[in-house]
Amino acid sequence: MRGDDRTTAHVRGAAPRVAAAAKDLRQRLTPTEQALWRALQRRQVRGLKFRCQHPVGPYVLDFYCPACKLAVEVDGDVHDEQEEQDEARTRHLEGYGYRVLRFRNEEVLTNLDVVLEQIAEAALGSPPCPPNPGGNPPPAFGRRGKRHQRTALADRPDE
C-alpha cells in the first residue's frame, strides 16, 4: 500500500505526474539551478550525494540529499507571490522529518561558496546524516530506509 504513511519517516508515493514533472524540470533547469547543481553533483560538497529535481510525495524538490533528508530550494521572484504555499510545503515536509533550506537566486549567483557552506553545515549538523571528516561518502540507505555501511574491500580487517 502506498500513500502518506508517517510511520515510514518519509513521504512515499510520488504520483506518475509528479515524477514526469521532475524529469521535465531536470531538462529545463534555470541558470541559477544549473550553477548550484554543478557545485552539488558528484559528491563535491563533503562527500554528500544530492539529487536534482527529485520527486517526494506531491512535490518536486530542487535538490535533495537522501542520507540527511535535506531539501534545498532555489527561489526566484515568483516565490514572493507564493510565500504561503512555500511555508505550507515546508511544514508538510518537516512533518516527515525533512529539513528545508531556501536560498534566493541572488544568493546562489553572488555568494555560491557561502550557500554551499550553509548546505554542508545543515546536512552534516542534522541527526540522520553522520559526520564525514575523512571525505568518504556517508553511509548509504537501503530501499527500506535501513542503514548499511559501505566498506571497501581494502578497509576490511584481515581474518
Protein backbone atom coordinates (compact mmCIF):
# COMPACT_ATOMS: atom_id res chain seq x y z
CA MET A 1 0.00 0.00 0.00
CA ARG A 2 1.31 3.42 -0.89
CA GLY A 3 0.47 6.86 0.38
CA ASP A 4 1.45 9.32 3.07
CA ASP A 5 2.28 6.96 5.92
CA ARG A 6 4.15 8.93 8.58
CA THR A 7 5.33 5.75 10.25
CA THR A 8 7.79 5.24 7.38
CA ALA A 9 9.55 8.53 8.30
CA HIS A 10 9.45 9.80 4.72
CA VAL A 11 6.91 10.83 2.15
CA ARG A 12 6.11 7.97 -0.19
CA GLY A 13 4.40 7.51 -3.47
CA ALA A 14 5.16 10.32 -5.89
CA ALA A 15 2.36 10.22 -8.41
CA PRO A 16 3.34 9.47 -12.02
CA ARG A 17 2.54 13.07 -12.98
CA VAL A 18 4.91 14.36 -10.27
CA ALA A 19 7.68 12.01 -11.41
CA ALA A 20 7.13 13.14 -15.02
CA ALA A 21 7.22 16.78 -13.95
CA ALA A 22 10.52 16.16 -12.13
CA LYS A 23 12.01 14.58 -15.23
CA ASP A 24 10.89 17.55 -17.33
CA LEU A 25 12.28 20.04 -14.79
CA ARG A 26 15.68 18.31 -14.85
CA GLN A 27 15.84 19.08 -18.56
CA ARG A 28 14.91 22.74 -18.02
CA LEU A 29 16.98 23.93 -15.06
CA THR A 30 17.15 27.67 -14.57
CA PRO A 31 20.64 29.21 -14.83
CA THR A 32 20.71 29.53 -11.03
CA GLU A 33 19.74 25.87 -10.56
CA GLN A 34 22.40 24.89 -13.10
CA ALA A 35 25.06 26.78 -11.14
CA LEU A 36 24.09 25.16 -7.85
CA TRP A 37 23.74 21.71 -9.41
CA ARG A 38 27.26 21.93 -10.88
CA ALA A 39 28.53 22.56 -7.34
CA LEU A 40 26.44 19.84 -5.63
CA GLN A 41 26.67 16.94 -8.07
CA ARG A 42 29.26 14.15 -7.88
CA ARG A 43 29.61 14.43 -4.09
CA GLN A 44 31.61 17.66 -4.33
CA VAL A 45 30.24 19.03 -1.06
CA ARG A 46 31.85 17.00 1.71
CA GLY A 47 31.03 13.72 0.02
CA LEU A 48 27.27 14.23 0.21
CA LYS A 49 25.12 12.84 -2.60
CA PHE A 50 22.43 15.17 -3.89
CA ARG A 51 19.66 14.55 -6.38
CA CYS A 52 18.35 17.20 -8.74
CA GLN A 53 14.61 17.86 -9.23
CA HIS A 54 13.67 14.90 -7.03
CA PRO A 55 10.01 13.90 -6.60
CA VAL A 56 8.91 13.45 -2.99
CA GLY A 57 5.22 12.79 -2.44
CA PRO A 58 3.29 15.58 -4.15
CA TYR A 59 6.37 17.82 -4.51
CA VAL A 60 9.44 18.16 -6.68
CA LEU A 61 12.44 19.26 -4.62
CA ASP A 62 15.06 21.35 -6.41
CA PHE A 63 17.89 19.44 -4.71
CA TYR A 64 17.73 16.63 -2.19
CA CYS A 65 20.27 14.78 -0.03
CA PRO A 66 18.57 11.48 0.87
CA ALA A 67 21.08 10.48 3.57
CA CYS A 68 20.29 13.67 5.51
CA LYS A 69 16.69 14.20 4.39
CA LEU A 70 17.73 17.70 3.37
CA ALA A 71 15.86 19.62 0.68
CA VAL A 72 17.47 22.68 -0.89
CA GLU A 73 15.16 25.07 -2.71
CA VAL A 74 16.21 27.91 -5.00
CA ASP A 75 13.61 30.67 -5.02
CA GLY A 76 13.19 33.25 -7.74
CA ASP A 77 10.89 36.25 -7.78
CA VAL A 78 7.80 34.09 -8.31
CA HIS A 79 8.17 32.84 -4.75
CA ASP A 80 7.46 36.35 -3.45
CA GLU A 81 3.87 35.75 -4.56
CA GLN A 82 3.54 32.24 -3.14
CA GLU A 83 5.00 32.51 0.34
CA GLU A 84 2.02 30.80 1.95
CA GLN A 85 2.26 27.79 -0.37
CA ASP A 86 6.01 27.55 0.23
CA GLU A 87 5.50 27.69 4.00
CA ALA A 88 2.79 25.01 3.85
CA ARG A 89 5.05 22.80 1.73
CA THR A 90 7.93 23.28 4.18
CA ARG A 91 5.71 22.42 7.18
CA HIS A 92 4.44 19.31 5.40
CA LEU A 93 7.95 18.09 4.63
CA GLU A 94 9.16 18.94 8.15
CA GLY A 95 6.30 16.82 9.49
CA TYR A 96 8.08 13.84 7.93
CA GLY A 97 11.48 14.81 9.31
CA TYR A 98 12.80 16.60 6.22
CA ARG A 99 14.82 19.79 6.61
CA VAL A 100 14.26 22.52 4.05
CA LEU A 101 16.77 25.25 3.17
CA ARG A 102 15.72 28.09 0.89
CA PHE A 103 18.02 30.40 -1.00
CA ARG A 104 17.22 33.33 -3.24
CA ASN A 105 18.58 33.28 -6.78
CA GLU A 106 20.77 36.26 -5.95
CA GLU A 107 22.38 34.45 -3.02
CA VAL A 108 23.33 31.47 -5.18
CA LEU A 109 24.68 33.59 -8.02
CA THR A 110 26.65 36.07 -5.92
CA ASN A 111 27.70 34.01 -2.86
CA LEU A 112 27.85 30.39 -4.01
CA ASP A 113 30.64 29.48 -1.56
CA VAL A 114 28.58 30.76 1.38
CA VAL A 115 25.49 28.90 0.15
CA LEU A 116 27.47 25.66 -0.18
CA GLU A 117 28.89 26.05 3.32
CA GLN A 118 25.39 26.60 4.74
CA ILE A 119 24.16 23.50 2.92
CA ALA A 120 27.07 21.43 4.23
CA GLU A 121 26.56 22.68 7.79
CA ALA A 122 22.83 21.93 7.67
CA ALA A 123 23.39 18.48 6.19
CA LEU A 124 26.18 17.45 8.50
CA GLY A 125 24.51 19.02 11.52
CA SER A 126 21.24 17.16 11.08
CA PRO A 127 20.89 13.97 13.15
CA PRO A 128 20.26 11.44 10.33
CA CYS A 129 23.47 12.35 8.49
CA PRO A 130 26.74 11.12 10.04
CA PRO A 131 29.79 13.37 10.18
CA ASN A 132 32.13 12.96 7.23
CA PRO A 133 35.58 14.05 8.45
CA GLY A 134 37.57 11.87 6.02
CA GLY A 135 35.71 12.99 2.93
CA ASN A 136 34.38 9.47 2.31
CA PRO A 137 30.75 9.09 1.24
CA PRO A 138 28.28 8.88 4.13
CA PRO A 139 26.62 5.52 4.84
CA ALA A 140 24.11 4.54 2.20
CA PHE A 141 20.49 3.80 2.91
CA GLY A 142 18.70 0.77 1.54
CA ARG A 143 15.31 0.77 -0.15
CA ARG A 144 13.53 0.25 3.12
CA GLY A 145 15.39 3.01 4.92
CA LYS A 146 17.72 0.66 6.76
CA ARG A 147 21.22 1.98 7.12
CA HIS A 148 24.03 -0.14 5.77
CA GLN A 149 27.68 0.74 5.72
CA ARG A 150 29.65 0.71 2.50
CA THR A 151 33.00 -0.87 3.24
CA ALA A 152 35.74 -1.14 0.67
CA LEU A 153 37.49 -4.48 0.47
CA ALA A 154 40.78 -2.81 1.39
CA ASP A 155 39.22 -1.35 4.55
CA ARG A 156 38.20 -4.73 5.98
CA PRO A 157 40.46 -6.29 8.61
CA ASP A 158 42.27 -9.47 7.63
CA GLU A 159 40.59 -12.54 9.06
